[in-house]
Amino acid sequence: MQMALIIIGGYVVASSPPVYALILRLAAVPKTPKSAVVLVAAFSMLTSLISWGFSLVISGILVRVIVRNVPRVDYRAISAAGYLGTGTVWALGLSSSAALLMATPASIPATLFKISGVIPLRETIYSWPSLATAAISHCGFDDPGFTSPCRRALPRRRSRLASPRVSRCRKPSDATPRGSGWNTRHYFR
């Protein structure tokens, strides 16, 4: 019942005249299909930090309006972008169920309470370093095998204990130094 009320409340706010006017103004911004998908993805993620139910409904309404304004947009891509906030960053926002439950002592089972105790909201939802850490881990930058173009440009010091780098590229290149594995240039095209 609580989840149904969250979605109904999100619909009431998203379909209100002031918010719908904002949606119409936002839908007039993108002129190309790519910019439409990027706008919907960014808007979906930002609104999901406020409430996942609000983001779910308002992103769907924004997708409908943008599809009318930008007729050549890929429906699959813009639909996926509309759900991006609910699928990625909602748990870091104000409507995070896990964070709210762990901050309430009465909702934690006794066996789990012995291990974790109460985790206050200042360490979860209201902690911006945790948001940055989650974004970095979602993008794959904390993966030791990930080699970004910026990382490749920096000189590397190799220690005796360092494990060999595993790269995610498809083709070998003559431009890579010996022993460095596959070249990532083909992967980032």
N, C-alpha and C. Protein backbone atom coordinates (compact mmCIF):
# COMPACT_ATOMS: atom_id res chain seq x y z
N MET A 1 0.81 -1.19 0.00
CA MET A 1 0.00 0.00 0.00
C MET A 1 0.86 1.26 0.00
N GLN A 2 1.98 1.20 0.75
CA GLN A 2 2.87 2.36 0.81
C GLN A 2 3.47 2.65 -0.57
N MET A 3 3.88 1.62 -1.29
CA MET A 3 4.46 1.82 -2.63
C MET A 3 3.42 2.36 -3.60
N ALA A 4 2.20 1.89 -3.50
CA ALA A 4 1.13 2.40 -4.36
C ALA A 4 0.87 3.87 -4.09
N LEU A 5 0.92 4.26 -2.81
CA LEU A 5 0.72 5.66 -2.46
C LEU A 5 1.88 6.53 -2.97
N ILE A 6 3.09 5.99 -2.99
CA ILE A 6 4.24 6.74 -3.52
C ILE A 6 4.03 7.02 -5.00
N ILE A 7 3.59 6.03 -5.75
CA ILE A 7 3.37 6.22 -7.18
C ILE A 7 2.19 7.15 -7.45
N ILE A 8 1.10 6.98 -6.68
CA ILE A 8 -0.06 7.87 -6.85
C ILE A 8 0.33 9.31 -6.50
N GLY A 9 1.08 9.48 -5.43
CA GLY A 9 1.55 10.81 -5.06
C GLY A 9 2.46 11.40 -6.12
N GLY A 10 3.33 10.57 -6.71
CA GLY A 10 4.18 11.03 -7.81
C GLY A 10 3.37 11.46 -9.01
N TYR A 11 2.31 10.74 -9.30
CA TYR A 11 1.45 11.11 -10.43
C TYR A 11 0.71 12.42 -10.17
N VAL A 12 0.24 12.60 -8.94
CA VAL A 12 -0.48 13.83 -8.60
C VAL A 12 0.44 15.04 -8.77
N VAL A 13 1.67 14.92 -8.30
CA VAL A 13 2.61 16.04 -8.43
C VAL A 13 3.02 16.24 -9.88
N ALA A 14 3.32 15.16 -10.60
CA ALA A 14 3.81 15.27 -11.98
C ALA A 14 2.75 15.79 -12.94
N SER A 15 1.49 15.53 -12.66
CA SER A 15 0.44 15.97 -13.58
C SER A 15 -0.19 17.30 -13.15
N SER A 16 0.32 17.92 -12.11
CA SER A 16 -0.22 19.22 -11.68
C SER A 16 0.15 20.29 -12.73
N PRO A 17 -0.66 21.33 -12.87
CA PRO A 17 -0.42 22.33 -13.91
C PRO A 17 0.96 22.99 -13.87
N PRO A 18 1.53 23.38 -12.73
CA PRO A 18 2.86 24.00 -12.76
C PRO A 18 3.96 23.03 -13.22
N VAL A 19 3.88 21.79 -12.76
CA VAL A 19 4.90 20.80 -13.14
C VAL A 19 4.74 20.42 -14.61
N TYR A 20 3.50 20.31 -15.08
CA TYR A 20 3.28 19.99 -16.49
C TYR A 20 3.78 21.13 -17.40
N ALA A 21 3.65 22.37 -16.93
CA ALA A 21 4.20 23.50 -17.69
C ALA A 21 5.72 23.41 -17.76
N LEU A 22 6.36 22.97 -16.67
CA LEU A 22 7.81 22.75 -16.66
C LEU A 22 8.19 21.65 -17.65
N ILE A 23 7.39 20.58 -17.69
CA ILE A 23 7.65 19.49 -18.64
C ILE A 23 7.57 19.99 -20.07
N LEU A 24 6.58 20.82 -20.37
CA LEU A 24 6.45 21.36 -21.73
C LEU A 24 7.65 22.23 -22.10
N ARG A 25 8.13 23.03 -21.15
CA ARG A 25 9.32 23.86 -21.41
C ARG A 25 10.55 23.00 -21.62
N LEU A 26 10.71 21.96 -20.81
CA LEU A 26 11.86 21.05 -20.97
C LEU A 26 11.79 20.29 -22.29
N ALA A 27 10.61 19.90 -22.70
CA ALA A 27 10.46 19.12 -23.94
C ALA A 27 10.77 19.96 -25.17
N ALA A 28 10.74 21.28 -25.06
CA ALA A 28 11.06 22.14 -26.19
C ALA A 28 12.57 22.34 -26.36
N VAL A 29 13.36 21.92 -25.39
CA VAL A 29 14.81 22.14 -25.44
C VAL A 29 15.52 21.26 -26.47
N PRO A 30 15.34 19.94 -26.47
CA PRO A 30 16.12 19.12 -27.40
C PRO A 30 15.66 19.28 -28.85
N LYS A 31 16.63 19.34 -29.74
CA LYS A 31 16.33 19.46 -31.17
C LYS A 31 16.71 18.21 -31.95
N THR A 32 17.62 17.41 -31.38
CA THR A 32 18.06 16.18 -32.05
C THR A 32 17.66 14.98 -31.19
N PRO A 33 17.59 13.79 -31.79
CA PRO A 33 17.25 12.60 -31.00
C PRO A 33 18.24 12.31 -29.88
N LYS A 34 19.53 12.50 -30.14
CA LYS A 34 20.53 12.22 -29.10
C LYS A 34 20.38 13.16 -27.91
N SER A 35 20.16 14.45 -28.19
CA SER A 35 20.00 15.39 -27.09
C SER A 35 18.72 15.11 -26.30
N ALA A 36 17.70 14.58 -26.99
CA ALA A 36 16.46 14.23 -26.30
C ALA A 36 16.69 13.08 -25.32
N VAL A 37 17.44 12.08 -25.73
CA VAL A 37 17.73 10.94 -24.86
C VAL A 37 18.58 11.38 -23.67
N VAL A 38 19.58 12.22 -23.93
CA VAL A 38 20.45 12.69 -22.84
C VAL A 38 19.66 13.53 -21.84
N LEU A 39 18.79 14.40 -22.33
CA LEU A 39 17.97 15.22 -21.44
C LEU A 39 17.07 14.35 -20.56
N VAL A 40 16.43 13.38 -21.15
CA VAL A 40 15.53 12.50 -20.38
C VAL A 40 16.33 11.70 -19.35
N ALA A 41 17.50 11.20 -19.73
CA ALA A 41 18.32 10.42 -18.79
C ALA A 41 18.75 11.28 -17.61
N ALA A 42 19.25 12.49 -17.88
CA ALA A 42 19.70 13.38 -16.79
C ALA A 42 18.52 13.79 -15.91
N PHE A 43 17.40 14.11 -16.52
CA PHE A 43 16.22 14.52 -15.76
C PHE A 43 15.70 13.37 -14.91
N SER A 44 15.71 12.17 -15.46
CA SER A 44 15.24 11.01 -14.72
C SER A 44 16.11 10.74 -13.50
N MET A 45 17.42 10.85 -13.67
CA MET A 45 18.31 10.60 -12.53
C MET A 45 18.20 11.69 -11.47
N LEU A 46 18.08 12.94 -11.89
CA LEU A 46 17.96 14.03 -10.91
C LEU A 46 16.65 13.95 -10.13
N THR A 47 15.55 13.64 -10.82
CA THR A 47 14.28 13.56 -10.10
C THR A 47 14.18 12.32 -9.23
N SER A 48 14.90 11.26 -9.58
CA SER A 48 14.85 10.06 -8.75
C SER A 48 15.59 10.25 -7.43
N LEU A 49 16.47 11.24 -7.37
CA LEU A 49 17.10 11.55 -6.09
C LEU A 49 16.11 12.19 -5.12
N ILE A 50 15.04 12.77 -5.66
CA ILE A 50 13.99 13.33 -4.81
C ILE A 50 13.02 12.22 -4.41
N SER A 51 12.46 11.52 -5.40
CA SER A 51 11.53 10.44 -5.12
C SER A 51 11.46 9.51 -6.33
N TRP A 52 11.58 8.22 -6.10
CA TRP A 52 11.57 7.29 -7.23
C TRP A 52 10.19 7.24 -7.88
N GLY A 53 9.12 7.39 -7.09
CA GLY A 53 7.77 7.38 -7.66
C GLY A 53 7.51 8.60 -8.52
N PHE A 54 7.97 9.75 -8.06
CA PHE A 54 7.85 10.98 -8.83
C PHE A 54 8.65 10.87 -10.13
N SER A 55 9.86 10.35 -10.03
CA SER A 55 10.72 10.21 -11.22
C SER A 55 10.11 9.25 -12.24
N LEU A 56 9.54 8.17 -11.76
CA LEU A 56 8.94 7.18 -12.65
C LEU A 56 7.82 7.79 -13.48
N VAL A 57 6.97 8.57 -12.85
CA VAL A 57 5.82 9.15 -13.54
C VAL A 57 6.21 10.35 -14.38
N ILE A 58 6.98 11.28 -13.81
CA ILE A 58 7.31 12.50 -14.55
C ILE A 58 8.21 12.20 -15.75
N SER A 59 9.09 11.21 -15.63
CA SER A 59 9.94 10.85 -16.77
C SER A 59 9.11 10.24 -17.88
N GLY A 60 8.10 9.44 -17.53
CA GLY A 60 7.20 8.89 -18.54
C GLY A 60 6.42 9.96 -19.27
N ILE A 61 5.94 10.95 -18.52
CA ILE A 61 5.21 12.06 -19.15
C ILE A 61 6.15 12.87 -20.03
N LEU A 62 7.38 13.11 -19.56
CA LEU A 62 8.37 13.85 -20.36
C LEU A 62 8.70 13.10 -21.65
N VAL A 63 8.81 11.79 -21.59
CA VAL A 63 9.09 10.98 -22.79
C VAL A 63 7.96 11.14 -23.80
N ARG A 64 6.71 11.08 -23.33
CA ARG A 64 5.57 11.23 -24.26
C ARG A 64 5.59 12.58 -24.96
N VAL A 65 5.88 13.64 -24.23
CA VAL A 65 5.87 14.97 -24.82
C VAL A 65 7.06 15.15 -25.78
N ILE A 66 8.22 14.65 -25.40
CA ILE A 66 9.40 14.79 -26.27
C ILE A 66 9.23 14.00 -27.55
N VAL A 67 8.62 12.83 -27.49
CA VAL A 67 8.43 12.03 -28.70
C VAL A 67 7.55 12.77 -29.71
N ARG A 68 6.62 13.55 -29.23
CA ARG A 68 5.82 14.38 -30.14
C ARG A 68 6.64 15.51 -30.76
N ASN A 69 7.57 16.09 -29.99
CA ASN A 69 8.37 17.22 -30.48
C ASN A 69 9.55 16.79 -31.35
N VAL A 70 10.15 15.65 -31.06
CA VAL A 70 11.31 15.15 -31.81
C VAL A 70 10.89 13.81 -32.43
N PRO A 71 10.33 13.84 -33.63
CA PRO A 71 9.72 12.62 -34.18
C PRO A 71 10.71 11.51 -34.54
N ARG A 72 11.99 11.81 -34.75
CA ARG A 72 12.93 10.78 -35.18
C ARG A 72 13.66 10.10 -34.02
N VAL A 73 13.24 10.37 -32.81
CA VAL A 73 13.91 9.79 -31.65
C VAL A 73 13.63 8.29 -31.58
N ASP A 74 14.63 7.54 -31.13
CA ASP A 74 14.50 6.09 -30.97
C ASP A 74 13.67 5.81 -29.70
N TYR A 75 12.52 5.18 -29.88
CA TYR A 75 11.62 4.92 -28.75
C TYR A 75 12.27 4.04 -27.70
N ARG A 76 13.06 3.07 -28.13
CA ARG A 76 13.71 2.17 -27.17
C ARG A 76 14.70 2.93 -26.30
N ALA A 77 15.51 3.78 -26.91
CA ALA A 77 16.53 4.52 -26.16
C ALA A 77 15.91 5.53 -25.21
N ILE A 78 14.91 6.26 -25.67
CA ILE A 78 14.32 7.28 -24.80
C ILE A 78 13.48 6.64 -23.70
N SER A 79 12.89 5.48 -23.96
CA SER A 79 12.16 4.77 -22.90
C SER A 79 13.11 4.26 -21.84
N ALA A 80 14.25 3.71 -22.26
CA ALA A 80 15.25 3.24 -21.30
C ALA A 80 15.81 4.41 -20.49
N ALA A 81 16.00 5.56 -21.14
CA ALA A 81 16.49 6.75 -20.44
C ALA A 81 15.48 7.23 -19.41
N GLY A 82 14.20 7.07 -19.70
CA GLY A 82 13.16 7.47 -18.74
C GLY A 82 13.17 6.63 -17.47
N TYR A 83 13.61 5.38 -17.56
CA TYR A 83 13.69 4.51 -16.39
C TYR A 83 15.07 4.49 -15.76
N LEU A 84 16.01 5.24 -16.32
CA LEU A 84 17.39 5.20 -15.85
C LEU A 84 17.53 5.63 -14.39
N GLY A 85 16.81 6.66 -13.99
CA GLY A 85 16.90 7.11 -12.60
C GLY A 85 16.38 6.08 -11.62
N THR A 86 15.28 5.42 -11.96
CA THR A 86 14.72 4.41 -11.09
C THR A 86 15.61 3.18 -11.03
N GLY A 87 16.37 2.94 -12.08
CA GLY A 87 17.24 1.77 -12.11
C GLY A 87 18.63 2.00 -11.57
N THR A 88 19.05 3.26 -11.38
CA THR A 88 20.43 3.48 -10.98
C THR A 88 20.59 4.22 -9.65
N VAL A 89 20.13 5.45 -9.55
CA VAL A 89 20.49 6.28 -8.41
C VAL A 89 19.38 6.48 -7.38
N TRP A 90 18.23 5.87 -7.55
CA TRP A 90 17.13 6.13 -6.61
C TRP A 90 17.49 5.74 -5.18
N ALA A 91 18.30 4.72 -5.00
CA ALA A 91 18.64 4.26 -3.65
C ALA A 91 19.54 5.25 -2.92
N LEU A 92 20.11 6.19 -3.64
CA LEU A 92 20.93 7.22 -3.01
C LEU A 92 20.12 8.46 -2.66
N GLY A 93 18.86 8.49 -3.10
CA GLY A 93 18.03 9.68 -2.92
C GLY A 93 17.24 9.67 -1.63
N LEU A 94 16.36 10.65 -1.52
CA LEU A 94 15.58 10.82 -0.30
C LEU A 94 14.55 9.73 -0.06
N SER A 95 14.18 8.97 -1.11
CA SER A 95 13.20 7.91 -0.94
C SER A 95 13.84 6.52 -0.88
N SER A 96 15.07 6.45 -0.44
CA SER A 96 15.77 5.17 -0.33
C SER A 96 15.19 4.33 0.80
N SER A 97 14.56 3.24 0.44
CA SER A 97 13.94 2.37 1.45
C SER A 97 14.98 1.75 2.37
N ALA A 98 16.08 1.27 1.80
CA ALA A 98 17.09 0.60 2.62
C ALA A 98 17.71 1.56 3.63
N ALA A 99 18.03 2.76 3.19
CA ALA A 99 18.64 3.73 4.11
C ALA A 99 17.67 4.13 5.21
N LEU A 100 16.40 4.32 4.85
CA LEU A 100 15.42 4.71 5.86
C LEU A 100 15.17 3.58 6.86
N LEU A 101 15.16 2.33 6.39
CA LEU A 101 14.97 1.21 7.31
C LEU A 101 16.15 1.04 8.25
N MET A 102 17.38 1.21 7.74
CA MET A 102 18.57 1.04 8.58
C MET A 102 18.73 2.18 9.59
N ALA A 103 18.05 3.29 9.38
CA ALA A 103 18.10 4.40 10.32
C ALA A 103 17.03 4.30 11.39
N THR A 104 16.15 3.31 11.27
CA THR A 104 15.06 3.12 12.23
C THR A 104 15.34 1.88 13.06
N PRO A 105 15.67 2.02 14.34
CA PRO A 105 16.03 0.86 15.16
C PRO A 105 14.94 -0.21 15.24
N ALA A 106 13.68 0.18 15.24
CA ALA A 106 12.59 -0.79 15.39
C ALA A 106 12.42 -1.66 14.15
N SER A 107 12.92 -1.24 13.01
CA SER A 107 12.71 -2.01 11.79
C SER A 107 13.85 -2.97 11.49
N ILE A 108 14.92 -2.94 12.28
CA ILE A 108 16.07 -3.81 12.03
C ILE A 108 15.89 -5.09 12.84
N PRO A 109 15.98 -6.27 12.19
CA PRO A 109 15.90 -7.53 12.95
C PRO A 109 17.02 -7.61 14.00
N ALA A 110 16.77 -8.28 15.08
CA ALA A 110 17.71 -8.33 16.20
C ALA A 110 19.06 -8.91 15.80
N THR A 111 19.06 -9.95 14.96
CA THR A 111 20.34 -10.54 14.55
C THR A 111 21.16 -9.57 13.70
N LEU A 112 20.50 -8.81 12.84
CA LEU A 112 21.19 -7.83 12.02
C LEU A 112 21.60 -6.61 12.84
N PHE A 113 20.80 -6.27 13.85
CA PHE A 113 21.11 -5.12 14.70
C PHE A 113 22.42 -5.34 15.46
N LYS A 114 22.69 -6.61 15.85
CA LYS A 114 23.95 -6.92 16.54
C LYS A 114 25.16 -6.67 15.64
N ILE A 115 24.98 -6.89 14.34
CA ILE A 115 26.09 -6.72 13.40
C ILE A 115 26.27 -5.27 12.98
N SER A 116 25.19 -4.64 12.57
CA SER A 116 25.31 -3.31 11.97
C SER A 116 24.96 -2.17 12.89
N GLY A 117 24.03 -2.39 13.79
CA GLY A 117 23.52 -1.29 14.60
C GLY A 117 22.68 -0.37 13.74
N VAL A 118 22.42 0.82 14.23
CA VAL A 118 21.67 1.81 13.47
C VAL A 118 22.66 2.58 12.60
N ILE A 119 22.32 2.72 11.33
CA ILE A 119 23.15 3.50 10.41
C ILE A 119 22.41 4.81 10.15
N PRO A 120 22.91 5.93 10.67
CA PRO A 120 22.19 7.19 10.54
C PRO A 120 22.17 7.69 9.09
N LEU A 121 21.20 8.53 8.80
CA LEU A 121 21.05 9.06 7.43
C LEU A 121 22.23 9.93 7.02
N ARG A 122 22.95 10.50 7.96
CA ARG A 122 24.11 11.32 7.58
C ARG A 122 25.24 10.47 6.98
N GLU A 123 25.17 9.16 7.18
CA GLU A 123 26.17 8.26 6.60
C GLU A 123 25.68 7.59 5.32
N THR A 124 24.42 7.78 4.98
CA THR A 124 23.90 7.15 3.76
C THR A 124 23.36 8.19 2.80
N ILE A 125 22.13 8.61 2.98
CA ILE A 125 21.48 9.53 2.04
C ILE A 125 22.17 10.89 2.02
N TYR A 126 22.50 11.43 3.19
CA TYR A 126 23.04 12.78 3.25
C TYR A 126 24.56 12.82 3.16
N SER A 127 25.17 11.76 2.72
CA SER A 127 26.62 11.71 2.59
C SER A 127 26.99 11.82 1.12
N TRP A 128 27.46 12.99 0.68
CA TRP A 128 27.82 13.17 -0.73
C TRP A 128 29.03 12.34 -1.13
N PRO A 129 30.00 12.05 -0.25
CA PRO A 129 31.07 11.14 -0.68
C PRO A 129 30.54 9.75 -1.04
N SER A 130 29.48 9.29 -0.37
CA SER A 130 28.93 7.99 -0.73
C SER A 130 28.28 8.04 -2.11
N LEU A 131 27.70 9.19 -2.47
CA LEU A 131 27.12 9.36 -3.80
C LEU A 131 28.22 9.30 -4.86
N ALA A 132 29.34 9.99 -4.60
CA ALA A 132 30.45 9.97 -5.56
C ALA A 132 31.04 8.58 -5.67
N THR A 133 31.17 7.87 -4.55
CA THR A 133 31.72 6.52 -4.58
C THR A 133 30.82 5.59 -5.38
N ALA A 134 29.51 5.71 -5.20
CA ALA A 134 28.57 4.86 -5.94
C ALA A 134 28.62 5.17 -7.43
N ALA A 135 28.74 6.45 -7.78
CA ALA A 135 28.81 6.81 -9.20
C ALA A 135 30.08 6.26 -9.83
N ILE A 136 31.18 6.31 -9.10
CA ILE A 136 32.44 5.79 -9.62
C ILE A 136 32.35 4.28 -9.81
N SER A 137 31.75 3.57 -8.85
CA SER A 137 31.67 2.12 -8.98
C SER A 137 30.70 1.71 -10.08
N HIS A 138 29.61 2.50 -10.31
CA HIS A 138 28.69 2.18 -11.40
C HIS A 138 29.34 2.37 -12.76
N CYS A 139 30.25 3.35 -12.87
CA CYS A 139 30.90 3.62 -14.15
C CYS A 139 32.05 2.66 -14.43
N GLY A 140 32.52 1.94 -13.45
CA GLY A 140 33.58 0.98 -13.68
C GLY A 140 34.97 1.53 -13.46
N PHE A 141 35.11 2.76 -12.96
CA PHE A 141 36.43 3.35 -12.80
C PHE A 141 37.20 2.72 -11.66
N ASP A 142 36.52 2.04 -10.74
CA ASP A 142 37.25 1.40 -9.66
C ASP A 142 37.73 0.00 -10.03
N ASP A 143 37.41 -0.46 -11.22
CA ASP A 143 37.85 -1.76 -11.71
C ASP A 143 39.32 -1.66 -12.09
N PRO A 144 40.21 -2.49 -11.51
CA PRO A 144 41.63 -2.38 -11.83
C PRO A 144 41.93 -2.68 -13.30
N GLY A 145 41.05 -3.38 -13.99
CA GLY A 145 41.28 -3.68 -15.39
C GLY A 145 40.83 -2.58 -16.33
N PHE A 146 40.13 -1.59 -15.79
CA PHE A 146 39.61 -0.50 -16.62
C PHE A 146 40.72 0.50 -16.87
N THR A 147 40.99 0.81 -18.12
CA THR A 147 42.03 1.77 -18.47
C THR A 147 41.38 2.89 -19.26
N SER A 148 41.22 4.03 -18.62
CA SER A 148 40.63 5.18 -19.31
C SER A 148 41.70 5.88 -20.12
N PRO A 149 41.32 6.70 -21.08
CA PRO A 149 42.32 7.45 -21.84
C PRO A 149 43.18 8.33 -20.94
N CYS A 150 42.60 8.88 -19.87
CA CYS A 150 43.37 9.72 -18.95
C CYS A 150 44.38 8.88 -18.19
N ARG A 151 43.99 7.69 -17.79
CA ARG A 151 44.89 6.81 -17.06
C ARG A 151 46.06 6.36 -17.93
N ARG A 152 45.78 6.13 -19.21
CA ARG A 152 46.85 5.68 -20.09
C ARG A 152 47.88 6.77 -20.32
N ALA A 153 47.47 8.05 -20.26
CA ALA A 153 48.39 9.14 -20.52
C ALA A 153 49.35 9.36 -19.36
N LEU A 154 48.97 8.95 -18.15
CA LEU A 154 49.83 9.14 -16.99
C LEU A 154 50.90 8.06 -16.93
N PRO A 155 52.11 8.42 -16.52
CA PRO A 155 53.14 7.37 -16.37
C PRO A 155 52.77 6.47 -15.20
N ARG A 156 52.98 5.18 -15.40
CA ARG A 156 52.61 4.23 -14.36
C ARG A 156 53.85 3.70 -13.66
N ARG A 157 53.76 3.56 -12.35
CA ARG A 157 54.81 2.88 -11.62
C ARG A 157 54.32 1.48 -11.33
N ARG A 158 55.11 0.52 -11.63
CA ARG A 158 54.71 -0.86 -11.40
C ARG A 158 55.42 -1.38 -10.16
N SER A 159 54.67 -1.96 -9.27
CA SER A 159 55.28 -2.54 -8.09
C SER A 159 55.42 -4.05 -8.31
N ARG A 160 56.20 -4.65 -7.44
CA ARG A 160 56.39 -6.09 -7.56
C ARG A 160 55.10 -6.84 -7.29
N LEU A 161 54.23 -6.28 -6.46
CA LEU A 161 53.02 -6.98 -6.06
C LEU A 161 51.84 -6.69 -6.97
N ALA A 162 52.02 -5.79 -7.94
CA ALA A 162 50.89 -5.42 -8.80
C ALA A 162 50.51 -6.59 -9.70
N SER A 163 49.24 -6.81 -9.81
CA SER A 163 48.78 -7.88 -10.71
C SER A 163 48.77 -7.36 -12.13
N PRO A 164 48.91 -8.23 -13.12
CA PRO A 164 48.89 -7.76 -14.50
C PRO A 164 47.54 -7.16 -14.85
N ARG A 165 47.57 -6.10 -15.65
CA ARG A 165 46.34 -5.42 -16.05
C ARG A 165 45.59 -6.26 -17.07
N VAL A 166 44.29 -6.34 -16.87
CA VAL A 166 43.42 -7.01 -17.82
C VAL A 166 42.60 -5.93 -18.49
N SER A 167 42.70 -5.82 -19.79
CA SER A 167 41.99 -4.75 -20.48
C SER A 167 40.77 -5.32 -21.17
N ARG A 168 39.82 -4.44 -21.53
CA ARG A 168 38.55 -4.89 -22.10
C ARG A 168 38.45 -4.58 -23.58
N CYS A 169 39.52 -4.57 -24.29
CA CYS A 169 39.44 -4.21 -25.71
C CYS A 169 39.38 -5.46 -26.56
N ARG A 170 39.00 -5.27 -27.80
CA ARG A 170 38.75 -6.41 -28.67
C ARG A 170 39.92 -6.79 -29.55
N LYS A 171 40.71 -5.81 -29.99
CA LYS A 171 41.76 -6.11 -30.96
C LYS A 171 43.12 -5.68 -30.44
N PRO A 172 44.17 -6.44 -30.74
CA PRO A 172 45.51 -5.99 -30.36
C PRO A 172 45.95 -4.88 -31.32
N SER A 173 46.91 -4.09 -30.87
CA SER A 173 47.41 -3.02 -31.71
C SER A 173 48.93 -3.00 -31.62
N ASP A 174 49.58 -2.58 -32.69
CA ASP A 174 51.03 -2.48 -32.68
C ASP A 174 51.48 -1.28 -31.85
N ALA A 175 50.57 -0.34 -31.60
CA ALA A 175 50.93 0.87 -30.87
C ALA A 175 51.07 0.63 -29.37
N THR A 176 50.56 -0.49 -28.87
CA THR A 176 50.66 -0.74 -27.43
C THR A 176 52.05 -1.24 -27.10
N PRO A 177 52.60 -0.79 -25.96
CA PRO A 177 53.91 -1.30 -25.56
C PRO A 177 53.83 -2.78 -25.24
N ARG A 178 54.94 -3.44 -25.32
CA ARG A 178 54.97 -4.87 -25.04
C ARG A 178 54.54 -5.15 -23.61
N GLY A 179 53.75 -6.15 -23.47
CA GLY A 179 53.34 -6.59 -22.14
C GLY A 179 52.17 -5.81 -21.57
N SER A 180 51.64 -4.82 -22.29
CA SER A 180 50.55 -4.05 -21.70
C SER A 180 49.18 -4.61 -22.06
N GLY A 181 49.13 -5.66 -22.84
CA GLY A 181 47.84 -6.26 -23.15
C GLY A 181 47.20 -5.63 -24.36
N TRP A 182 45.89 -5.58 -24.35
CA TRP A 182 45.13 -5.06 -25.48
C TRP A 182 45.00 -3.55 -25.41
N ASN A 183 44.81 -2.95 -26.55
CA ASN A 183 44.67 -1.49 -26.60
C ASN A 183 43.21 -1.10 -26.38
N THR A 184 42.97 -0.11 -25.56
CA THR A 184 41.60 0.30 -25.27
C THR A 184 41.05 1.30 -26.28
N ARG A 185 41.88 1.77 -27.20
CA ARG A 185 41.45 2.77 -28.15
C ARG A 185 40.27 2.28 -28.97
N HIS A 186 40.24 1.00 -29.35
CA HIS A 186 39.14 0.47 -30.16
C HIS A 186 37.86 0.39 -29.36
N TYR A 187 37.98 0.22 -28.05
CA TYR A 187 36.81 0.04 -27.21
C TYR A 187 36.04 1.33 -27.02
N PHE A 188 36.71 2.48 -27.05
CA PHE A 188 36.06 3.75 -26.72
C PHE A 188 35.63 4.54 -27.95
N ARG A 189 35.54 3.97 -29.12
CA ARG A 189 35.12 4.69 -30.32
C ARG A 189 33.70 5.10 -30.28
